[in-house]
Structures are given as C-alpha cells and as structure tokens.
C-alpha cells in the first residue's frame, strides 16, 4: 500500500521543479533549435524549388533558341543548295554552249581540211594519171 506522507509531496515538488528546470534549459532550446532547423530546411527547399524552376525556364529558352537556330540553318542550307543548283545549271549550260561552239568549229575545220585534201588528192590523181599514161604510151601528153 502507498503511504502519502511528507516525502511523497517533496518528491512531487522536486519532480515539478525538475520539469520546470528541464523545460527552461533543455526542452525550450531543443524545440527552438528544431524549429529553426525546420525553417532552414523549408527555406532550402523553397530555394531549391526556385532554382529548379529557373533551370527549367532556361532549358525551355535554350531548347526554343536551339530549334530556331536549327530552322534558320536548315533554311540557309536549303537556300544554298538551291543557289548551287542554279549555279550548276548555268555552268552546265555554259559548258554545253562552249562544247557545241567548239564542236562546230572543229567540224568546220575538218570539212575545210577535207575539202583541201580532196582538191589536193584530185590534183595528185590527175598528175599521177598523166604520169601513168605517159609511161604506158611512152610519150608525153
């Protein structure tokens, strides 16, 4: 059985004083430190979230500028290809016309040389036939 004497009340008062002293020197500073730590963690999370949002915005801007740059480069490349094709066509036309002119000149020269060769061959044939006739007949014609 429990005796409620003076020692019991002194222990209760002693326990109350201990709780007050521990509350003042241990629990309040501990709670304050934990509250400060929670606040620091919350502010760090908010900063991390803000930085993450900034990174996402910058990535979106970067991707948009990259798409624009690729589109511009594609347009420039297409324009360059088109310009090169036009230049190629003009060079081919020029080369064809030069080749046709050169071929016509060569044909004309060949025709001229052929005509000269024919006239020369006809003259030589005439003189050869005269020489042959003179040798066969034994007299000059």
N, C-alpha and C. Protein backbone atom coordinates (compact mmCIF):
# COMPACT_ATOMS: atom_id res chain seq x y z
N UNK A 1 0.82 -1.17 0.00
CA UNK A 1 0.00 0.00 0.00
C UNK A 1 0.88 1.26 0.00
N UNK A 2 0.40 2.30 -0.53
CA UNK A 2 1.18 3.53 -0.67
C UNK A 2 0.85 4.45 0.50
N UNK A 3 1.91 4.95 1.11
CA UNK A 3 1.73 5.92 2.21
C UNK A 3 1.92 7.31 1.64
N UNK A 4 0.98 8.17 1.89
CA UNK A 4 1.07 9.55 1.44
C UNK A 4 1.64 10.39 2.58
N UNK A 5 2.87 10.43 2.73
CA UNK A 5 3.49 11.22 3.77
C UNK A 5 4.23 12.39 3.16
N UNK A 6 5.01 13.08 3.95
CA UNK A 6 5.68 14.30 3.55
C UNK A 6 6.72 14.02 2.45
N UNK A 7 7.37 12.93 2.44
CA UNK A 7 8.38 12.60 1.44
C UNK A 7 7.75 12.49 0.05
N UNK A 8 6.54 11.99 0.00
CA UNK A 8 5.85 11.87 -1.30
C UNK A 8 5.58 13.25 -1.88
N UNK A 9 5.14 14.20 -1.05
CA UNK A 9 4.85 15.55 -1.54
C UNK A 9 6.14 16.28 -1.93
N UNK A 10 7.22 16.04 -1.23
CA UNK A 10 8.51 16.65 -1.55
C UNK A 10 9.00 16.11 -2.90
N UNK A 11 8.82 14.83 -3.14
CA UNK A 11 9.24 14.25 -4.42
C UNK A 11 8.40 14.80 -5.57
N UNK A 12 7.10 15.04 -5.30
CA UNK A 12 6.25 15.63 -6.35
C UNK A 12 6.71 17.05 -6.64
N UNK A 13 7.02 17.82 -5.59
CA UNK A 13 7.50 19.19 -5.79
C UNK A 13 8.86 19.15 -6.48
N UNK A 14 9.73 18.24 -6.06
CA UNK A 14 11.04 18.07 -6.68
C UNK A 14 10.88 17.71 -8.16
N UNK A 15 9.95 16.83 -8.48
CA UNK A 15 9.68 16.45 -9.87
C UNK A 15 9.17 17.64 -10.67
N UNK A 16 8.29 18.48 -10.06
CA UNK A 16 7.78 19.67 -10.74
C UNK A 16 8.89 20.66 -11.03
N UNK A 17 9.80 20.86 -10.03
CA UNK A 17 10.93 21.77 -10.23
C UNK A 17 11.84 21.22 -11.31
N UNK A 18 12.07 19.92 -11.29
CA UNK A 18 12.91 19.29 -12.32
C UNK A 18 12.30 19.49 -13.71
N UNK A 19 10.98 19.33 -13.80
CA UNK A 19 10.31 19.52 -15.09
C UNK A 19 10.45 20.97 -15.54
N UNK A 20 10.27 21.95 -14.62
CA UNK A 20 10.42 23.36 -14.98
C UNK A 20 11.85 23.67 -15.40
N UNK A 21 12.84 23.18 -14.66
CA UNK A 21 14.25 23.43 -15.00
C UNK A 21 14.59 22.78 -16.34
N UNK A 22 14.17 21.54 -16.51
CA UNK A 22 14.43 20.88 -17.80
C UNK A 22 13.72 21.60 -18.95
N UNK A 23 12.52 22.09 -18.69
CA UNK A 23 11.78 22.80 -19.72
C UNK A 23 12.53 24.07 -20.11
N UNK A 24 13.02 24.80 -19.12
CA UNK A 24 13.71 26.06 -19.40
C UNK A 24 15.06 25.81 -20.06
N UNK A 25 15.83 24.89 -19.57
CA UNK A 25 17.21 24.70 -20.05
C UNK A 25 17.36 23.65 -21.15
N UNK A 26 16.42 22.75 -21.30
CA UNK A 26 16.59 21.68 -22.27
C UNK A 26 15.50 21.69 -23.34
N UNK A 27 14.26 21.61 -22.95
CA UNK A 27 13.19 21.42 -23.93
C UNK A 27 12.96 22.66 -24.80
N UNK A 28 12.93 23.87 -24.20
CA UNK A 28 12.71 25.07 -25.00
C UNK A 28 13.86 25.30 -25.99
N UNK A 29 15.12 25.21 -25.58
CA UNK A 29 16.20 25.38 -26.57
C UNK A 29 16.18 24.27 -27.64
N UNK A 30 15.86 23.07 -27.19
CA UNK A 30 15.79 21.97 -28.15
C UNK A 30 14.67 22.20 -29.16
N UNK A 31 13.48 22.62 -28.66
CA UNK A 31 12.37 22.92 -29.57
C UNK A 31 12.71 24.09 -30.49
N UNK A 32 13.38 25.12 -29.93
CA UNK A 32 13.77 26.28 -30.74
C UNK A 32 14.74 25.86 -31.84
N UNK A 33 15.71 25.03 -31.46
CA UNK A 33 16.68 24.56 -32.45
C UNK A 33 15.99 23.71 -33.53
N UNK A 34 15.08 22.84 -33.14
CA UNK A 34 14.35 22.02 -34.12
C UNK A 34 13.47 22.89 -35.01
N UNK A 35 12.84 23.92 -34.43
CA UNK A 35 12.02 24.83 -35.23
C UNK A 35 12.89 25.59 -36.23
N UNK A 36 14.08 26.03 -35.75
CA UNK A 36 15.00 26.73 -36.65
C UNK A 36 15.46 25.80 -37.77
N UNK A 37 15.76 24.57 -37.43
CA UNK A 37 16.19 23.59 -38.42
C UNK A 37 15.08 23.35 -39.44
N UNK A 38 13.83 23.21 -38.98
CA UNK A 38 12.70 23.04 -39.91
C UNK A 38 12.58 24.24 -40.84
N UNK A 39 12.73 25.44 -40.25
CA UNK A 39 12.65 26.66 -41.06
C UNK A 39 13.78 26.69 -42.09
N UNK A 40 14.99 26.33 -41.68
CA UNK A 40 16.13 26.29 -42.61
C UNK A 40 15.88 25.28 -43.72
N UNK A 41 15.38 24.12 -43.35
CA UNK A 41 15.09 23.08 -44.36
C UNK A 41 14.01 23.56 -45.32
N UNK A 42 12.97 24.21 -44.77
CA UNK A 42 11.89 24.71 -45.63
C UNK A 42 12.41 25.78 -46.57
N UNK A 43 13.25 26.70 -46.05
CA UNK A 43 13.79 27.75 -46.93
C UNK A 43 14.73 27.15 -47.96
N UNK A 44 15.49 26.14 -47.57
CA UNK A 44 16.38 25.47 -48.54
C UNK A 44 15.56 24.78 -49.62
N UNK A 45 14.46 24.16 -49.24
CA UNK A 45 13.59 23.53 -50.24
C UNK A 45 12.99 24.56 -51.17
N UNK A 46 12.56 25.70 -50.61
CA UNK A 46 12.00 26.76 -51.45
C UNK A 46 13.04 27.29 -52.42
N UNK A 47 14.28 27.49 -51.92
CA UNK A 47 15.35 27.97 -52.82
C UNK A 47 15.64 26.93 -53.90
N UNK A 48 15.68 25.66 -53.49
CA UNK A 48 15.94 24.60 -54.47
C UNK A 48 14.82 24.55 -55.50
N UNK A 49 13.59 24.72 -55.05
CA UNK A 49 12.45 24.72 -55.98
C UNK A 49 12.55 25.92 -56.93
N UNK A 50 12.93 27.10 -56.38
CA UNK A 50 13.07 28.29 -57.23
C UNK A 50 14.19 28.09 -58.26
N UNK A 51 15.30 27.53 -57.81
CA UNK A 51 16.42 27.27 -58.73
C UNK A 51 16.00 26.26 -59.79
N UNK A 52 15.27 25.23 -59.38
CA UNK A 52 14.79 24.23 -60.33
C UNK A 52 13.87 24.88 -61.37
N UNK A 53 13.00 25.78 -60.93
CA UNK A 53 12.12 26.47 -61.88
C UNK A 53 12.93 27.33 -62.83
N UNK A 54 13.95 28.02 -62.31
CA UNK A 54 14.80 28.84 -63.18
C UNK A 54 15.53 27.97 -64.20
N UNK A 55 16.01 26.84 -63.74
CA UNK A 55 16.71 25.92 -64.66
C UNK A 55 15.74 25.43 -65.74
N UNK A 56 14.52 25.10 -65.33
CA UNK A 56 13.53 24.63 -66.31
C UNK A 56 13.21 25.73 -67.32
N UNK A 57 13.06 26.97 -66.85
CA UNK A 57 12.80 28.09 -67.76
C UNK A 57 13.96 28.29 -68.71
N UNK A 58 15.18 28.25 -68.19
CA UNK A 58 16.35 28.43 -69.05
C UNK A 58 16.47 27.30 -70.06
N UNK A 59 16.16 26.07 -69.64
CA UNK A 59 16.20 24.93 -70.56
C UNK A 59 15.16 25.12 -71.66
N UNK A 60 13.98 25.60 -71.29
CA UNK A 60 12.94 25.85 -72.28
C UNK A 60 13.40 26.92 -73.26
N UNK A 61 13.99 27.99 -72.75
CA UNK A 61 14.50 29.05 -73.63
C UNK A 61 15.61 28.51 -74.52
N UNK A 62 16.51 27.72 -73.93
CA UNK A 62 17.61 27.15 -74.70
C UNK A 62 17.09 26.25 -75.81
N UNK A 63 16.12 25.39 -75.48
CA UNK A 63 15.57 24.50 -76.49
C UNK A 63 14.86 25.28 -77.59
N UNK A 64 14.16 26.35 -77.21
CA UNK A 64 13.49 27.18 -78.21
C UNK A 64 14.51 27.85 -79.12
N UNK A 65 15.58 28.39 -78.53
CA UNK A 65 16.60 29.03 -79.36
C UNK A 65 17.32 28.01 -80.22
N UNK A 66 17.51 26.80 -79.70
CA UNK A 66 18.14 25.74 -80.48
C UNK A 66 17.26 25.36 -81.66
N UNK A 67 15.94 25.23 -81.43
CA UNK A 67 15.02 24.94 -82.54
C UNK A 67 15.05 26.04 -83.58
N UNK A 68 15.06 27.30 -83.11
CA UNK A 68 15.11 28.42 -84.05
C UNK A 68 16.40 28.40 -84.86
N UNK A 69 17.51 28.12 -84.17
CA UNK A 69 18.81 28.07 -84.87
C UNK A 69 18.82 26.93 -85.90
N UNK A 70 18.26 25.78 -85.52
CA UNK A 70 18.22 24.66 -86.47
C UNK A 70 17.34 25.00 -87.66
N UNK A 71 16.21 25.65 -87.41
CA UNK A 71 15.32 26.03 -88.51
C UNK A 71 16.01 27.04 -89.42
N UNK A 72 16.71 28.00 -88.83
CA UNK A 72 17.42 29.00 -89.63
C UNK A 72 18.54 28.35 -90.44
N UNK A 73 19.26 27.43 -89.80
CA UNK A 73 20.35 26.74 -90.51
C UNK A 73 19.78 25.89 -91.65
N UNK A 74 18.64 25.24 -91.40
CA UNK A 74 18.00 24.46 -92.47
C UNK A 74 17.56 25.33 -93.62
N UNK A 75 17.02 26.50 -93.30
CA UNK A 75 16.60 27.43 -94.36
C UNK A 75 17.81 27.93 -95.15
N UNK A 76 18.88 28.26 -94.44
CA UNK A 76 20.09 28.73 -95.13
C UNK A 76 20.67 27.62 -96.00
N UNK A 77 20.66 26.39 -95.47
CA UNK A 77 21.19 25.28 -96.25
C UNK A 77 20.35 25.05 -97.50
N UNK A 78 19.03 25.10 -97.34
CA UNK A 78 18.15 24.91 -98.50
C UNK A 78 18.37 26.01 -99.53
N UNK A 79 18.56 27.24 -99.03
CA UNK A 79 18.81 28.34 -99.96
C UNK A 79 20.15 28.15 -100.66
N UNK A 80 21.16 27.70 -99.92
CA UNK A 80 22.48 27.47 -100.51
C UNK A 80 22.41 26.35 -101.55
N UNK A 81 21.66 25.29 -101.24
CA UNK A 81 21.52 24.18 -102.19
C UNK A 81 20.82 24.66 -103.44
N UNK A 82 19.77 25.46 -103.27
CA UNK A 82 19.04 25.98 -104.43
C UNK A 82 19.94 26.88 -105.27
N UNK A 83 20.72 27.73 -104.59
CA UNK A 83 21.63 28.62 -105.30
C UNK A 83 22.71 27.80 -106.02
N UNK A 84 23.21 26.76 -105.38
CA UNK A 84 24.22 25.91 -106.01
C UNK A 84 23.64 25.19 -107.22
N UNK A 85 22.38 24.76 -107.13
CA UNK A 85 21.75 24.09 -108.27
C UNK A 85 21.59 25.06 -109.45
N UNK A 86 21.21 26.31 -109.14
CA UNK A 86 21.09 27.32 -110.20
C UNK A 86 22.45 27.58 -110.84
N UNK A 87 23.48 27.70 -109.98
CA UNK A 87 24.82 27.94 -110.50
C UNK A 87 25.32 26.75 -111.31
N UNK A 88 25.02 25.54 -110.83
CA UNK A 88 25.40 24.34 -111.56
C UNK A 88 24.72 24.30 -112.93
N UNK A 89 23.44 24.64 -112.97
CA UNK A 89 22.72 24.64 -114.24
C UNK A 89 23.31 25.67 -115.19
N UNK A 90 23.65 26.86 -114.67
CA UNK A 90 24.23 27.88 -115.56
C UNK A 90 25.60 27.45 -116.05
N UNK A 91 26.41 26.82 -115.16
CA UNK A 91 27.73 26.34 -115.59
C UNK A 91 27.59 25.23 -116.63
N UNK A 92 26.62 24.33 -116.42
CA UNK A 92 26.41 23.26 -117.40
C UNK A 92 25.95 23.83 -118.74
N UNK A 93 25.06 24.82 -118.71
CA UNK A 93 24.61 25.45 -119.96
C UNK A 93 25.78 26.13 -120.66
N UNK A 94 26.60 26.82 -119.89
CA UNK A 94 27.76 27.50 -120.47
C UNK A 94 28.73 26.48 -121.07
N UNK A 95 28.98 25.38 -120.33
CA UNK A 95 29.89 24.35 -120.83
C UNK A 95 29.32 23.69 -122.09
N UNK A 96 27.99 23.46 -122.10
CA UNK A 96 27.38 22.86 -123.29
C UNK A 96 27.49 23.79 -124.49
N UNK A 97 27.24 25.09 -124.26
CA UNK A 97 27.33 26.02 -125.39
C UNK A 97 28.77 26.13 -125.88
N UNK A 98 29.74 26.14 -124.94
CA UNK A 98 31.15 26.17 -125.34
C UNK A 98 31.52 24.90 -126.09
N UNK A 99 31.03 23.76 -125.59
CA UNK A 99 31.32 22.49 -126.26
C UNK A 99 30.69 22.46 -127.64
N UNK A 100 29.46 22.96 -127.76
CA UNK A 100 28.79 22.99 -129.07
C UNK A 100 29.54 23.91 -130.03
N UNK A 101 29.97 25.08 -129.53
CA UNK A 101 30.72 26.01 -130.38
C UNK A 101 32.04 25.38 -130.80
N UNK A 102 32.72 24.74 -129.83
CA UNK A 102 34.00 24.10 -130.14
C UNK A 102 33.80 22.97 -131.14
N UNK A 103 32.73 22.18 -130.94
CA UNK A 103 32.44 21.08 -131.86
C UNK A 103 32.11 21.60 -133.25
N UNK A 104 31.36 22.69 -133.34
CA UNK A 104 31.04 23.27 -134.64
C UNK A 104 32.30 23.78 -135.32
N UNK A 105 33.20 24.40 -134.54
CA UNK A 105 34.45 24.90 -135.11
C UNK A 105 35.31 23.75 -135.61
N UNK A 106 35.36 22.68 -134.80
CA UNK A 106 36.15 21.51 -135.21
C UNK A 106 35.57 20.89 -136.47
N UNK A 107 34.24 20.77 -136.53
CA UNK A 107 33.61 20.21 -137.73
C UNK A 107 33.89 21.08 -138.95
N UNK A 108 33.82 22.38 -138.77
CA UNK A 108 34.10 23.29 -139.88
C UNK A 108 35.54 23.15 -140.35
N UNK A 109 36.46 23.06 -139.39
CA UNK A 109 37.88 22.91 -139.75
C UNK A 109 38.11 21.58 -140.46
N UNK A 110 37.45 20.50 -139.94
CA UNK A 110 37.60 19.19 -140.58
C UNK A 110 37.04 19.23 -141.99
N UNK A 111 35.88 19.88 -142.16
CA UNK A 111 35.29 19.98 -143.50
C UNK A 111 36.21 20.75 -144.43
N UNK A 112 36.81 21.83 -143.92
CA UNK A 112 37.72 22.64 -144.73
C UNK A 112 38.95 21.84 -145.11
N UNK A 113 39.55 21.15 -144.09
CA UNK A 113 40.73 20.34 -144.36
C UNK A 113 40.39 19.19 -145.31
N UNK A 114 39.20 18.63 -145.16
CA UNK A 114 38.76 17.55 -146.04
C UNK A 114 38.62 18.05 -147.48
N UNK A 115 38.06 19.24 -147.62
CA UNK A 115 37.92 19.82 -148.97
C UNK A 115 39.29 20.09 -149.58
N UNK A 116 40.22 20.63 -148.75
CA UNK A 116 41.57 20.88 -149.25
C UNK A 116 42.25 19.58 -149.64
N UNK A 117 42.06 18.54 -148.78
CA UNK A 117 42.68 17.25 -149.08
C UNK A 117 42.10 16.67 -150.37
N UNK A 118 40.80 16.83 -150.60
CA UNK A 118 40.18 16.32 -151.84
C UNK A 118 40.76 17.01 -153.07
N UNK A 119 40.83 18.35 -152.96
CA UNK A 119 41.37 19.07 -154.12
C UNK A 119 42.82 18.68 -154.37
N UNK A 120 43.59 18.52 -153.28
CA UNK A 120 44.98 18.12 -153.44
C UNK A 120 45.07 16.70 -154.01
N UNK A 121 44.21 15.80 -153.48
CA UNK A 121 44.21 14.43 -153.99
C UNK A 121 43.78 14.38 -155.46
N UNK A 122 42.82 15.23 -155.79
CA UNK A 122 42.39 15.27 -157.21
C UNK A 122 43.53 15.75 -158.10
N UNK A 123 44.26 16.75 -157.62
CA UNK A 123 45.40 17.23 -158.41
C UNK A 123 46.48 16.16 -158.52
N UNK A 124 46.76 15.48 -157.40
CA UNK A 124 47.76 14.43 -157.43
C UNK A 124 47.29 13.26 -158.30
N UNK A 125 46.00 12.94 -158.20
CA UNK A 125 45.47 11.86 -159.04
C UNK A 125 45.60 12.23 -160.50
N UNK A 126 45.33 13.50 -160.80
CA UNK A 126 45.44 13.96 -162.19
C UNK A 126 46.89 13.85 -162.67
N UNK A 127 47.83 14.32 -161.81
CA UNK A 127 49.23 14.26 -162.25
C UNK A 127 49.71 12.81 -162.31
N UNK A 128 49.25 11.95 -161.39
CA UNK A 128 49.63 10.54 -161.42
C UNK A 128 49.07 9.87 -162.67
N UNK A 129 47.82 10.19 -162.94
CA UNK A 129 47.24 9.56 -164.15
C UNK A 129 47.96 10.04 -165.40
N UNK A 130 48.39 11.28 -165.45
CA UNK A 130 49.18 11.77 -166.59
C UNK A 130 50.51 11.03 -166.66
N UNK A 131 51.17 10.86 -165.51
CA UNK A 131 52.46 10.15 -165.49
C UNK A 131 52.29 8.70 -165.94
N UNK A 132 51.22 8.06 -165.46
CA UNK A 132 50.97 6.67 -165.83
C UNK A 132 50.68 6.55 -167.32
N UNK A 133 49.89 7.48 -167.81
CA UNK A 133 49.57 7.46 -169.24
C UNK A 133 50.83 7.68 -170.09
N UNK A 134 51.67 8.58 -169.65
CA UNK A 134 52.90 8.84 -170.40
C UNK A 134 53.80 7.62 -170.38
N UNK A 135 53.88 6.90 -169.27
CA UNK A 135 54.73 5.73 -169.20
C UNK A 135 54.16 4.59 -170.04
N UNK A 136 52.84 4.47 -169.98
CA UNK A 136 52.22 3.40 -170.76
C UNK A 136 52.35 3.71 -172.25
N UNK A 137 52.09 4.93 -172.63
CA UNK A 137 52.14 5.29 -174.05
C UNK A 137 53.58 5.53 -174.50
N UNK A 138 54.39 5.89 -173.60
CA UNK A 138 55.79 6.11 -173.94
C UNK A 138 56.00 7.47 -174.54
N UNK A 139 55.15 8.34 -174.48
CA UNK A 139 55.29 9.70 -174.98
C UNK A 139 54.62 10.67 -174.04
N UNK A 140 54.84 11.93 -174.20
CA UNK A 140 54.24 12.93 -173.32
C UNK A 140 52.90 13.37 -173.85
N UNK A 141 52.04 13.72 -172.98
CA UNK A 141 50.69 14.11 -173.39
C UNK A 141 50.53 15.57 -173.47
